[in-house]
Amino acid sequence: MGLFKRINCFQDSTLWIWKVEEEYDLLFQSVTLKNNSLERLKGMKSESHQKGFLAVRMLLQEAGYTDLDLYYDEHGKPHLKDGKQISISHSHAFSVIIIGDTKIGIDLEILKEKIVTIAPRFMDINHLKNLESKDQIKKATVIWGIKESIFKIKNEKGISFPDHIFEKEFNLEDSSGIAQLVFNNTIEEYCFSFEFIENYALVCALQNKK
């Protein structure tokens, strides 16, 4: 399949989505990797993870970059050498990147029934009341994605999903909403948007500036 979709989102960010259907060898031969990236790739036990990793590099090329332009800080957060902001996610059949001028977070999750079982660990389960089973799965997955996306932006030790990140009530039909990070005696507001792609939930978050 290759490039699945390109989306302009928020004010200055672009999202690229890759559907991973190629064989490993084709992906590997299509990208240039730094030595440390090659070592990371070799160390991955699952071919699915390897293909997701390579698909991210294919997306970088779609965006006008290569693996040589990407680096990670001591906390594992990705950066681009030209100063543009980037966030990365991949899950099973899809890899996604988002690039823009403002710090942004993205998360991609496959929809699974298990998310409802573990929901009390990361969210207020009252937000799932009066929903059908399939919509409970969707909403819980989106809420996880909201929290994961905000965490990727802040990337600070000690942030707890249930204790520090709170989404205001929203409906699945809304496709967007507002959340807050309450941490270290500060309150930060974030906007988020989401959509469903096949059997996946894709969430983006961006900090609202005062």
Foldseek 3Di string as FASTA:
>chain_A
DFWDDWDDDDDFKIKTKTFQDDDLVVLVVVADADPVLVVVLVPDPDVQVNSLSSSVQSVCVVVVHGNVQWDADPLRAIDGVVQWEKEWEDDRGMTMMMTGRAQKFKYKDFQDLCLLVCLVQQEDCVLQPPHPSSQSSVVSQQLVGVLRTVCSRVVDPPFGRRPFKAWDRDHPVVQKGKIWGCPPNDIWIKIKGWDDDDRMIMMMIGTDDD
